[in-house]
Amino acid sequence: MAARSVNLTVEQGTDFTTTFTIKNPDGTVLPLTGYSCEAKLGKHPSASSTTSFTVSITAASGKITLTLTNSVTADLKPGRYYYDVVIESSGGSKTRVIEGMVLVTAGLAS
C-alpha cells in the first residue's frame, strides 16, 4: 500500500484535528483492529526534534484521528514541516499510510 499524500494547514495557537479513513489498494476500508499508530511532524525528514500528534483509532471504520492541542501548536514556529502517519499491525509490520507537508500559520491573537 503506497502512502497517500495529504497536505495540512495548522493555525499556530489553536486546536487542530483531522481524520483519515485508511483504505486497502482495492478501495475497501482497512479494519484497524489490532493496529497501533504513530504520527509525527518535523522541519525536515531527518529532523532530530519532532512533535507527536495525539492519535486515536476507530478500528471498525478504519479511521485515524490526529490531534494537536493549542498549547502544542503555540510552540510550533510558523513555516513548513513534514509529517507522516505510520500504522503497525499486531504482527509488527509497519506501513506509512499518510504523508505530506504541514503549513503552520502565525496568528496575532493567542
PDB file of N, CA and C in Angstrom:
ATOM      1  N   MET A   1       0.847  -1.170   0.000  1.00  0.00           N
ATOM      2  CA  MET A   1       0.000   0.000   0.000  1.00  0.00           C
ATOM      3  C   MET A   1       0.893   1.234   0.000  1.00  0.00           C
ATOM      4  N   ALA A   2       0.737   2.076  -0.979  1.00  0.00           N
ATOM      5  CA  ALA A   2       1.522   3.309  -1.071  1.00  0.00           C
ATOM      6  C   ALA A   2       0.915   4.376  -0.171  1.00  0.00           C
ATOM      7  N   ALA A   3       1.771   5.180   0.433  1.00  0.00           N
ATOM      8  CA  ALA A   3       1.302   6.254   1.306  1.00  0.00           C
ATOM      9  C   ALA A   3       0.563   7.305   0.490  1.00  0.00           C
ATOM     10  N   ARG A   4      -0.568   7.747   1.018  1.00  0.00           N
ATOM     11  CA  ARG A   4      -1.341   8.813   0.384  1.00  0.00           C
ATOM     12  C   ARG A   4      -0.736  10.148   0.807  1.00  0.00           C
ATOM     13  N   SER A   5      -0.601  11.082  -0.130  1.00  0.00           N
ATOM     14  CA  SER A   5      -0.042  12.393   0.159  1.00  0.00           C
ATOM     15  C   SER A   5      -1.171  13.387   0.427  1.00  0.00           C
ATOM     16  N   VAL A   6      -1.145  13.975   1.631  1.00  0.00           N
ATOM     17  CA  VAL A   6      -2.159  14.954   2.030  1.00  0.00           C
ATOM     18  C   VAL A   6      -1.454  16.102   2.734  1.00  0.00           C
ATOM     19  N   ASN A   7      -1.612  17.316   2.220  1.00  0.00           N
ATOM     20  CA  ASN A   7      -1.031  18.486   2.861  1.00  0.00           C
ATOM     21  C   ASN A   7      -2.039  19.102   3.838  1.00  0.00           C
ATOM     22  N   LEU A   8      -1.532  19.630   4.959  1.00  0.00           N
ATOM     23  CA  LEU A   8      -2.369  20.173   6.026  1.00  0.00           C
ATOM     24  C   LEU A   8      -1.963  21.606   6.355  1.00  0.00           C
ATOM     25  N   THR A   9      -2.896  22.362   6.926  1.00  0.00           N
ATOM     26  CA  THR A   9      -2.599  23.691   7.458  1.00  0.00           C
ATOM     27  C   THR A   9      -2.982  23.693   8.935  1.00  0.00           C
ATOM     28  N   VAL A  10      -2.054  24.136   9.778  1.00  0.00           N
ATOM     29  CA  VAL A  10      -2.269  24.236  11.215  1.00  0.00           C
ATOM     30  C   VAL A  10      -2.117  25.704  11.600  1.00  0.00           C
ATOM     31  N   GLU A  11      -3.114  26.237  12.290  1.00  0.00           N
ATOM     32  CA  GLU A  11      -3.044  27.619  12.752  1.00  0.00           C
ATOM     33  C   GLU A  11      -2.377  27.642  14.122  1.00  0.00           C
ATOM     34  N   GLN A  12      -1.277  28.365  14.220  1.00  0.00           N
ATOM     35  CA  GLN A  12      -0.500  28.445  15.463  1.00  0.00           C
ATOM     36  C   GLN A  12      -1.390  28.905  16.617  1.00  0.00           C
ATOM     37  N   GLY A  13      -1.278  28.215  17.765  1.00  0.00           N
ATOM     38  CA  GLY A  13      -2.001  28.609  18.968  1.00  0.00           C
ATOM     39  C   GLY A  13      -3.450  28.158  19.021  1.00  0.00           C
ATOM     40  N   THR A  14      -3.880  27.305  18.071  1.00  0.00           N
ATOM     41  CA  THR A  14      -5.257  26.804  18.074  1.00  0.00           C
ATOM     42  C   THR A  14      -5.252  25.280  18.134  1.00  0.00           C
ATOM     43  N   ASP A  15      -6.402  24.712  18.473  1.00  0.00           N
ATOM     44  CA  ASP A  15      -6.551  23.258  18.463  1.00  0.00           C
ATOM     45  C   ASP A  15      -6.668  22.774  17.013  1.00  0.00           C
ATOM     46  N   PHE A  16      -6.041  21.640  16.719  1.00  0.00           N
ATOM     47  CA  PHE A  16      -6.066  21.074  15.377  1.00  0.00           C
ATOM     48  C   PHE A  16      -6.494  19.619  15.452  1.00  0.00           C
ATOM     49  N   THR A  17      -7.423  19.233  14.583  1.00  0.00           N
ATOM     50  CA  THR A  17      -7.853  17.840  14.468  1.00  0.00           C
ATOM     51  C   THR A  17      -8.150  17.533  13.013  1.00  0.00           C
ATOM     52  N   THR A  18      -7.731  16.362  12.574  1.00  0.00           N
ATOM     53  CA  THR A  18      -8.087  15.871  11.245  1.00  0.00           C
ATOM     54  C   THR A  18      -8.257  14.361  11.322  1.00  0.00           C
ATOM     55  N   THR A  19      -9.119  13.829  10.465  1.00  0.00           N
ATOM     56  CA  THR A  19      -9.393  12.397  10.462  1.00  0.00           C
ATOM     57  C   THR A  19      -9.205  11.841   9.054  1.00  0.00           C
ATOM     58  N   PHE A  20      -8.546  10.688   8.978  1.00  0.00           N
ATOM     59  CA  PHE A  20      -8.327   9.988   7.725  1.00  0.00           C
ATOM     60  C   PHE A  20      -8.995   8.625   7.781  1.00  0.00           C
ATOM     61  N   THR A  21      -9.536   8.170   6.666  1.00  0.00           N
ATOM     62  CA  THR A  21     -10.021   6.800   6.543  1.00  0.00           C
ATOM     63  C   THR A  21      -8.976   6.034   5.743  1.00  0.00           C
ATOM     64  N   ILE A  22      -8.454   4.965   6.323  1.00  0.00           N
ATOM     65  CA  ILE A  22      -7.401   4.182   5.684  1.00  0.00           C
ATOM     66  C   ILE A  22      -8.058   3.089   4.842  1.00  0.00           C
ATOM     67  N   LYS A  23      -7.633   3.003   3.577  1.00  0.00           N
ATOM     68  CA  LYS A  23      -8.242   2.047   2.656  1.00  0.00           C
ATOM     69  C   LYS A  23      -7.196   1.109   2.066  1.00  0.00           C
ATOM     70  N   ASN A  24      -7.656  -0.075   1.724  1.00  0.00           N
ATOM     71  CA  ASN A  24      -6.838  -1.054   1.003  1.00  0.00           C
ATOM     72  C   ASN A  24      -6.649  -0.574  -0.428  1.00  0.00           C
ATOM     73  N   PRO A  25      -5.685  -1.152  -1.165  1.00  0.00           N
ATOM     74  CA  PRO A  25      -5.479  -0.757  -2.558  1.00  0.00           C
ATOM     75  C   PRO A  25      -6.741  -0.906  -3.433  1.00  0.00           C
ATOM     76  N   ASP A  26      -7.654  -1.816  -3.068  1.00  0.00           N
ATOM     77  CA  ASP A  26      -8.878  -2.002  -3.861  1.00  0.00           C
ATOM     78  C   ASP A  26      -9.983  -1.019  -3.484  1.00  0.00           C
ATOM     79  N   GLY A  27      -9.699  -0.090  -2.543  1.00  0.00           N
ATOM     80  CA  GLY A  27     -10.661   0.938  -2.166  1.00  0.00           C
ATOM     81  C   GLY A  27     -11.540   0.591  -0.981  1.00  0.00           C
ATOM     82  N   THR A  28     -11.455  -0.630  -0.475  1.00  0.00           N
ATOM     83  CA  THR A  28     -12.238  -1.003   0.699  1.00  0.00           C
ATOM     84  C   THR A  28     -11.557  -0.482   1.958  1.00  0.00           C
ATOM     85  N   VAL A  29     -12.342  -0.252   2.994  1.00  0.00           N
ATOM     86  CA  VAL A  29     -11.808   0.246   4.265  1.00  0.00           C
ATOM     87  C   VAL A  29     -10.937  -0.832   4.908  1.00  0.00           C
ATOM     88  N   LEU A  30      -9.777  -0.428   5.404  1.00  0.00           N
ATOM     89  CA  LEU A  30      -8.888  -1.338   6.132  1.00  0.00           C
ATOM     90  C   LEU A  30      -9.301  -1.344   7.597  1.00  0.00           C
ATOM     91  N   PRO A  31      -9.866  -2.448   8.099  1.00  0.00           N
ATOM     92  CA  PRO A  31     -10.199  -2.500   9.521  1.00  0.00           C
ATOM     93  C   PRO A  31      -8.901  -2.450  10.335  1.00  0.00           C
ATOM     94  N   LEU A  32      -8.824  -1.565  11.293  1.00  0.00           N
ATOM     95  CA  LEU A  32      -7.585  -1.344  12.041  1.00  0.00           C
ATOM     96  C   LEU A  32      -7.569  -2.053  13.392  1.00  0.00           C
ATOM     97  N   THR A  33      -8.355  -3.105  13.517  1.00  0.00           N
ATOM     98  CA  THR A  33      -8.363  -3.892  14.746  1.00  0.00           C
ATOM     99  C   THR A  33      -6.977  -4.494  14.965  1.00  0.00           C
ATOM    100  N   GLY A  34      -6.423  -4.267  16.151  1.00  0.00           N
ATOM    101  CA  GLY A  34      -5.101  -4.791  16.478  1.00  0.00           C
ATOM    102  C   GLY A  34      -3.952  -3.917  16.006  1.00  0.00           C
ATOM    103  N   TYR A  35      -4.232  -2.801  15.370  1.00  0.00           N
ATOM    104  CA  TYR A  35      -3.190  -1.891  14.894  1.00  0.00           C
ATOM    105  C   TYR A  35      -2.901  -0.801  15.927  1.00  0.00           C
ATOM    106  N   SER A  36      -1.670  -0.318  15.917  1.00  0.00           N
ATOM    107  CA  SER A  36      -1.314   0.895  16.646  1.00  0.00           C
ATOM    108  C   SER A  36      -0.880   1.916  15.600  1.00  0.00           C
ATOM    109  N   CYS A  37      -0.737   3.156  16.015  1.00  0.00           N
ATOM    110  CA  CYS A  37      -0.430   4.213  15.050  1.00  0.00           C
ATOM    111  C   CYS A  37       0.447   5.269  15.701  1.00  0.00           C
ATOM    112  N   GLU A  38       1.345   5.827  14.901  1.00  0.00           N
ATOM    113  CA  GLU A  38       2.202   6.918  15.341  1.00  0.00           C
ATOM    114  C   GLU A  38       2.226   7.969  14.233  1.00  0.00           C
ATOM    115  N   ALA A  39       2.151   9.241  14.620  1.00  0.00           N
ATOM    116  CA  ALA A  39       2.205  10.335  13.656  1.00  0.00           C
ATOM    117  C   ALA A  39       3.059  11.455  14.230  1.00  0.00           C
ATOM    118  N   LYS A  40       3.981  11.942  13.413  1.00  0.00           N
ATOM    119  CA  LYS A  40       4.908  12.994  13.857  1.00  0.00           C
ATOM    120  C   LYS A  40       5.074  14.042  12.772  1.00  0.00           C
ATOM    121  N   LEU A  41       5.485  15.245  13.200  1.00  0.00           N
ATOM    122  CA  LEU A  41       5.872  16.275  12.241  1.00  0.00           C
ATOM    123  C   LEU A  41       7.218  16.842  12.643  1.00  0.00           C
ATOM    124  N   GLY A  42       7.981  17.247  11.639  1.00  0.00           N
ATOM    125  CA  GLY A  42       9.302  17.815  11.859  1.00  0.00           C
ATOM    126  C   GLY A  42       9.653  18.777  10.744  1.00  0.00           C
ATOM    127  N   LYS A  43      10.661  19.605  10.973  1.00  0.00           N
ATOM    128  CA  LYS A  43      11.056  20.616   9.986  1.00  0.00           C
ATOM    129  C   LYS A  43      11.568  19.995   8.686  1.00  0.00           C
ATOM    130  N   HIS A  44      12.168  18.829   8.780  1.00  0.00           N
ATOM    131  CA  HIS A  44      12.629  18.123   7.584  1.00  0.00           C
ATOM    132  C   HIS A  44      12.641  16.628   7.906  1.00  0.00           C
ATOM    133  N   PRO A  45      12.692  15.772   6.884  1.00  0.00           N
ATOM    134  CA  PRO A  45      12.571  14.329   7.127  1.00  0.00           C
ATOM    135  C   PRO A  45      13.596  13.736   8.090  1.00  0.00           C
ATOM    136  N   SER A  46      14.777  14.317   8.180  1.00  0.00           N
ATOM    137  CA  SER A  46      15.796  13.769   9.075  1.00  0.00           C
ATOM    138  C   SER A  46      15.928  14.573  10.373  1.00  0.00           C
ATOM    139  N   ALA A  47      14.916  15.367  10.699  1.00  0.00           N
ATOM    140  CA  ALA A  47      14.956  16.209  11.905  1.00  0.00           C
ATOM    141  C   ALA A  47      15.087  15.357  13.160  1.00  0.00           C
ATOM    142  N   SER A  48      15.964  15.756  14.056  1.00  0.00           N
ATOM    143  CA  SER A  48      16.128  15.020  15.314  1.00  0.00           C
ATOM    144  C   SER A  48      15.063  15.431  16.327  1.00  0.00           C
ATOM    145  N   SER A  49      14.480  16.599  16.152  1.00  0.00           N
ATOM    146  CA  SER A  49      13.423  17.079  17.028  1.00  0.00           C
ATOM    147  C   SER A  49      12.098  17.026  16.265  1.00  0.00           C
ATOM    148  N   THR A  50      11.123  16.303  16.816  1.00  0.00           N
ATOM    149  CA  THR A  50       9.822  16.182  16.172  1.00  0.00           C
ATOM    150  C   THR A  50       8.713  16.449  17.186  1.00  0.00           C
ATOM    151  N   THR A  51       7.526  16.676  16.682  1.00  0.00           N
ATOM    152  CA  THR A  51       6.334  16.843  17.504  1.00  0.00           C
ATOM    153  C   THR A  51       5.387  15.704  17.178  1.00  0.00           C
ATOM    154  N   SER A  52       4.910  15.029  18.212  1.00  0.00           N
ATOM    155  CA  SER A  52       3.992  13.909  18.009  1.00  0.00           C
ATOM    156  C   SER A  52       2.540  14.381  18.068  1.00  0.00           C
ATOM    157  N   PHE A  53       1.744  13.884  17.146  1.00  0.00           N
ATOM    158  CA  PHE A  53       0.308  14.077  17.200  1.00  0.00           C
ATOM    159  C   PHE A  53      -0.259  13.115  18.240  1.00  0.00           C
ATOM    160  N   THR A  54      -1.345  13.491  18.898  1.00  0.00           N
ATOM    161  CA  THR A  54      -2.137  12.539  19.664  1.00  0.00           C
ATOM    162  C   THR A  54      -2.972  11.787  18.635  1.00  0.00           C
ATOM    163  N   VAL A  55      -2.953  10.456  18.717  1.00  0.00           N
ATOM    164  CA  VAL A  55      -3.611   9.635  17.702  1.00  0.00           C
ATOM    165  C   VAL A  55      -4.697   8.789  18.346  1.00  0.00           C
ATOM    166  N   SER A  56      -5.853   8.733  17.704  1.00  0.00           N
ATOM    167  CA  SER A  56      -6.889   7.791  18.121  1.00  0.00           C
ATOM    168  C   SER A  56      -7.342   7.007  16.892  1.00  0.00           C
ATOM    169  N   ILE A  57      -7.679   5.736  17.126  1.00  0.00           N
ATOM    170  CA  ILE A  57      -8.082   4.840  16.050  1.00  0.00           C
ATOM    171  C   ILE A  57      -9.506   4.373  16.304  1.00  0.00           C
ATOM    172  N   THR A  58     -10.347   4.455  15.264  1.00  0.00           N
ATOM    173  CA  THR A  58     -11.665   3.830  15.281  1.00  0.00           C
ATOM    174  C   THR A  58     -11.529   2.622  14.365  1.00  0.00           C
ATOM    175  N   ALA A  59     -11.247   1.471  14.982  1.00  0.00           N
ATOM    176  CA  ALA A  59     -10.802   0.289  14.246  1.00  0.00           C
ATOM    177  C   ALA A  59     -11.781  -0.187  13.183  1.00  0.00           C
ATOM    178  N   ALA A  60     -13.044  -0.350  13.523  1.00  0.00           N
ATOM    179  CA  ALA A  60     -14.003  -0.949  12.593  1.00  0.00           C
ATOM    180  C   ALA A  60     -14.187  -0.120  11.323  1.00  0.00           C
ATOM    181  N   SER A  61     -14.108   1.206  11.452  1.00  0.00           N
ATOM    182  CA  SER A  61     -14.319   2.071  10.289  1.00  0.00           C
ATOM    183  C   SER A  61     -13.015   2.502   9.628  1.00  0.00           C
ATOM    184  N   GLY A  62     -11.877   2.015  10.127  1.00  0.00           N
ATOM    185  CA  GLY A  62     -10.590   2.333   9.520  1.00  0.00           C
ATOM    186  C   GLY A  62     -10.178   3.783   9.654  1.00  0.00           C
ATOM    187  N   LYS A  63     -10.678   4.457  10.676  1.00  0.00           N
ATOM    188  CA  LYS A  63     -10.395   5.894  10.832  1.00  0.00           C
ATOM    189  C   LYS A  63      -9.272   6.146  11.832  1.00  0.00           C
ATOM    190  N   ILE A  64      -8.404   7.091  11.461  1.00  0.00           N
ATOM    191  CA  ILE A  64      -7.328   7.564  12.324  1.00  0.00           C
ATOM    192  C   ILE A  64      -7.520   9.067  12.490  1.00  0.00           C
ATOM    193  N   THR A  65      -7.589   9.512  13.752  1.00  0.00           N
ATOM    194  CA  THR A  65      -7.745  10.937  14.044  1.00  0.00           C
ATOM    195  C   THR A  65      -6.456  11.454  14.673  1.00  0.00           C
ATOM    196  N   LEU A  66      -5.941  12.546  14.107  1.00  0.00           N
ATOM    197  CA  LEU A  66      -4.738  13.211  14.618  1.00  0.00           C
ATOM    198  C   LEU A  66      -5.151  14.512  15.291  1.00  0.00           C
ATOM    199  N   THR A  67      -4.558  14.779  16.453  1.00  0.00           N
ATOM    200  CA  THR A  67      -4.893  15.983  17.203  1.00  0.00           C
ATOM    201  C   THR A  67      -3.631  16.653  17.731  1.00  0.00           C
ATOM    202  N   LEU A  68      -3.630  17.984  17.691  1.00  0.00           N
ATOM    203  CA  LEU A  68      -2.626  18.810  18.362  1.00  0.00           C
ATOM    204  C   LEU A  68      -3.388  19.826  19.188  1.00  0.00           C
ATOM    205  N   THR A  69      -3.037  19.965  20.466  1.00  0.00           N
ATOM    206  CA  THR A  69      -3.706  20.953  21.315  1.00  0.00           C
ATOM    207  C   THR A  69      -3.164  22.347  21.024  1.00  0.00           C
ATOM    208  N   ASN A  70      -3.887  23.368  21.489  1.00  0.00           N
ATOM    209  CA  ASN A  70      -3.446  24.747  21.247  1.00  0.00           C
ATOM    210  C   ASN A  70      -2.104  25.033  21.901  1.00  0.00           C
ATOM    211  N   SER A  71      -1.809  24.382  23.031  1.00  0.00           N
ATOM    212  CA  SER A  71      -0.515  24.615  23.672  1.00  0.00           C
ATOM    213  C   SER A  71       0.624  24.015  22.850  1.00  0.00           C
ATOM    214  N   VAL A  72       0.354  22.920  22.159  1.00  0.00           N
ATOM    215  CA  VAL A  72       1.370  22.310  21.291  1.00  0.00           C
ATOM    216  C   VAL A  72       1.574  23.157  20.036  1.00  0.00           C
ATOM    217  N   THR A  73       0.483  23.597  19.404  1.00  0.00           N
ATOM    218  CA  THR A  73       0.640  24.394  18.181  1.00  0.00           C
ATOM    219  C   THR A  73       1.234  25.768  18.475  1.00  0.00           C
ATOM    220  N   ALA A  74       1.028  26.275  19.697  1.00  0.00           N
ATOM    221  CA  ALA A  74       1.621  27.572  20.073  1.00  0.00           C
ATOM    222  C   ALA A  74       3.145  27.490  20.079  1.00  0.00           C
ATOM    223  N   ASP A  75       3.692  26.302  20.349  1.00  0.00           N
ATOM    224  CA  ASP A  75       5.145  26.122  20.392  1.00  0.00           C
ATOM    225  C   ASP A  75       5.765  25.893  19.013  1.00  0.00           C
ATOM    226  N   LEU A  76       4.929  25.683  17.993  1.00  0.00           N
ATOM    227  CA  LEU A  76       5.458  25.485  16.635  1.00  0.00           C
ATOM    228  C   LEU A  76       5.761  26.833  15.994  1.00  0.00           C
ATOM    229  N   LYS A  77       6.919  26.941  15.383  1.00  0.00           N
ATOM    230  CA  LYS A  77       7.258  28.164  14.662  1.00  0.00           C
ATOM    231  C   LYS A  77       6.539  28.146  13.321  1.00  0.00           C
ATOM    232  N   PRO A  78       6.044  29.306  12.864  1.00  0.00           N
ATOM    233  CA  PRO A  78       5.392  29.344  11.558  1.00  0.00           C
ATOM    234  C   PRO A  78       6.347  28.841  10.462  1.00  0.00           C
ATOM    235  N   GLY A  79       5.782  28.164   9.486  1.00  0.00           N
ATOM    236  CA  GLY A  79       6.583  27.667   8.376  1.00  0.00           C
ATOM    237  C   GLY A  79       6.116  26.294   7.922  1.00  0.00           C
ATOM    238  N   ARG A  80       6.934  25.670   7.072  1.00  0.00           N
ATOM    239  CA  ARG A  80       6.603  24.360   6.510  1.00  0.00           C
ATOM    240  C   ARG A  80       7.282  23.252   7.295  1.00  0.00           C
ATOM    241  N   TYR A  81       6.538  22.163   7.466  1.00  0.00           N
ATOM    242  CA  TYR A  81       7.011  20.969   8.151  1.00  0.00           C
ATOM    243  C   TYR A  81       6.637  19.755   7.302  1.00  0.00           C
ATOM    244  N   TYR A  82       7.270  18.635   7.583  1.00  0.00           N
ATOM    245  CA  TYR A  82       6.889  17.348   7.014  1.00  0.00           C
ATOM    246  C   TYR A  82       6.174  16.556   8.094  1.00  0.00           C
ATOM    247  N   TYR A  83       5.263  15.659   7.681  1.00  0.00           N
ATOM    248  CA  TYR A  83       4.640  14.757   8.648  1.00  0.00           C
ATOM    249  C   TYR A  83       4.377  13.419   7.995  1.00  0.00           C
ATOM    250  N   ASP A  84       4.227  12.396   8.813  1.00  0.00           N
ATOM    251  CA  ASP A  84       3.770  11.112   8.309  1.00  0.00           C
ATOM    252  C   ASP A  84       3.004  10.365   9.387  1.00  0.00           C
ATOM    253  N   VAL A  85       2.210   9.403   8.921  1.00  0.00           N
ATOM    254  CA  VAL A  85       1.384   8.567   9.775  1.00  0.00           C
ATOM    255  C   VAL A  85       1.760   7.121   9.472  1.00  0.00           C
ATOM    256  N   VAL A  86       2.209   6.396  10.497  1.00  0.00           N
ATOM    257  CA  VAL A  86       2.649   5.011  10.335  1.00  0.00           C
ATOM    258  C   VAL A  86       1.785   4.112  11.211  1.00  0.00           C
ATOM    259  N   ILE A  87       1.225   3.054  10.598  1.00  0.00           N
ATOM    260  CA  ILE A  87       0.466   2.078  11.369  1.00  0.00           C
ATOM    261  C   ILE A  87       1.324   0.833  11.556  1.00  0.00           C
ATOM    262  N   GLU A  88       1.072   0.131  12.660  1.00  0.00           N
ATOM    263  CA  GLU A  88       1.791  -1.109  12.939  1.00  0.00           C
ATOM    264  C   GLU A  88       0.774  -2.191  13.276  1.00  0.00           C
ATOM    265  N   SER A  89       0.861  -3.303  12.539  1.00  0.00           N
ATOM    266  CA  SER A  89      -0.056  -4.419  12.783  1.00  0.00           C
ATOM    267  C   SER A  89       0.345  -5.144  14.064  1.00  0.00           C
ATOM    268  N   SER A  90      -0.541  -6.003  14.554  1.00  0.00           N
ATOM    269  CA  SER A  90      -0.241  -6.770  15.761  1.00  0.00           C
ATOM    270  C   SER A  90       0.953  -7.691  15.537  1.00  0.00           C
ATOM    271  N   GLY A  91       1.250  -8.012  14.279  1.00  0.00           N
ATOM    272  CA  GLY A  91       2.406  -8.843  13.946  1.00  0.00           C
ATOM    273  C   GLY A  91       3.703  -8.062  13.818  1.00  0.00           C
ATOM    274  N   GLY A  92       3.644  -6.728  13.973  1.00  0.00           N
ATOM    275  CA  GLY A  92       4.854  -5.902  13.930  1.00  0.00           C
ATOM    276  C   GLY A  92       5.173  -5.284  12.580  1.00  0.00           C
ATOM    277  N   SER A  93       4.327  -5.495  11.584  1.00  0.00           N
ATOM    278  CA  SER A  93       4.557  -4.912  10.258  1.00  0.00           C
ATOM    279  C   SER A  93       4.157  -3.439  10.263  1.00  0.00           C
ATOM    280  N   LYS A  94       5.083  -2.557   9.850  1.00  0.00           N
ATOM    281  CA  LYS A  94       4.823  -1.120   9.828  1.00  0.00           C
ATOM    282  C   LYS A  94       4.595  -0.649   8.395  1.00  0.00           C
ATOM    283  N   THR A  95       3.596   0.241   8.239  1.00  0.00           N
ATOM    284  CA  THR A  95       3.258   0.789   6.928  1.00  0.00           C
ATOM    285  C   THR A  95       2.998   2.277   7.068  1.00  0.00           C
ATOM    286  N   ARG A  96       3.652   3.078   6.232  1.00  0.00           N
ATOM    287  CA  ARG A  96       3.350   4.513   6.186  1.00  0.00           C
ATOM    288  C   ARG A  96       2.102   4.659   5.323  1.00  0.00           C
ATOM    289  N   VAL A  97       1.033   5.216   5.911  1.00  0.00           N
ATOM    290  CA  VAL A  97      -0.233   5.313   5.187  1.00  0.00           C
ATOM    291  C   VAL A  97      -0.558   6.727   4.715  1.00  0.00           C
ATOM    292  N   ILE A  98      -0.040   7.736   5.396  1.00  0.00           N
ATOM    293  CA  ILE A  98      -0.258   9.139   5.027  1.00  0.00           C
ATOM    294  C   ILE A  98       1.062   9.876   5.192  1.00  0.00           C
ATOM    295  N   GLU A  99       1.328  10.805   4.281  1.00  0.00           N
ATOM    296  CA  GLU A  99       2.499  11.675   4.403  1.00  0.00           C
ATOM    297  C   GLU A  99       2.185  12.990   3.720  1.00  0.00           C
ATOM    298  N   GLY A 100       2.960  14.007   4.035  1.00  0.00           N
ATOM    299  CA  GLY A 100       2.745  15.287   3.369  1.00  0.00           C
ATOM    300  C   GLY A 100       3.445  16.424   4.081  1.00  0.00           C
ATOM    301  N   MET A 101       3.020  17.605   3.716  1.00  0.00           N
ATOM    302  CA  MET A 101       3.558  18.838   4.291  1.00  0.00           C
ATOM    303  C   MET A 101       2.513  19.454   5.211  1.00  0.00           C
ATOM    304  N   VAL A 102       3.005  20.143   6.245  1.00  0.00           N
ATOM    305  CA  VAL A 102       2.142  20.911   7.142  1.00  0.00           C
ATOM    306  C   VAL A 102       2.598  22.357   7.073  1.00  0.00           C
ATOM    307  N   LEU A 103       1.671  23.252   6.785  1.00  0.00           N
ATOM    308  CA  LEU A 103       1.962  24.677   6.835  1.00  0.00           C
ATOM    309  C   LEU A 103       1.429  25.195   8.157  1.00  0.00           C
ATOM    310  N   VAL A 104       2.320  25.698   9.009  1.00  0.00           N
ATOM    311  CA  VAL A 104       1.920  26.314  10.273  1.00  0.00           C
ATOM    312  C   VAL A 104       1.861  27.813  10.038  1.00  0.00           C
ATOM    313  N   THR A 105       0.663  28.383  10.233  1.00  0.00           N
ATOM    314  CA  THR A 105       0.472  29.810  10.013  1.00  0.00           C
ATOM    315  C   THR A 105       0.455  30.555  11.333  1.00  0.00           C
ATOM    316  N   ALA A 106       1.011  31.750  11.337  1.00  0.00           N
ATOM    317  CA  ALA A 106       1.074  32.573  12.546  1.00  0.00           C
ATOM    318  C   ALA A 106      -0.247  33.298  12.760  1.00  0.00           C
ATOM    319  N   GLY A 107      -0.533  33.584  14.011  1.00  0.00           N
ATOM    320  CA  GLY A 107      -1.717  34.359  14.343  1.00  0.00           C
ATOM    321  C   GLY A 107      -1.352  35.535  15.218  1.00  0.00           C
ATOM    322  N   LEU A 108      -2.224  36.497  15.307  1.00  0.00           N
ATOM    323  CA  LEU A 108      -1.978  37.669  16.136  1.00  0.00           C
ATOM    324  C   LEU A 108      -2.562  37.520  17.521  1.00  0.00           C
ATOM    325  N   ALA A 109      -3.681  36.793  17.625  1.00  0.00           N
ATOM    326  CA  ALA A 109      -4.326  36.577  18.932  1.00  0.00           C
ATOM    327  C   ALA A 109      -3.851  35.257  19.505  1.00  0.00           C
ATOM    328  N   SER A 110      -3.849  35.142  20.813  1.00  0.00           N
ATOM    329  CA  SER A 110      -3.438  33.879  21.419  1.00  0.00           C
ATOM    330  C   SER A 110      -4.524  33.292  22.267  1.00  0.00           C
TER     331      SER A 110
END
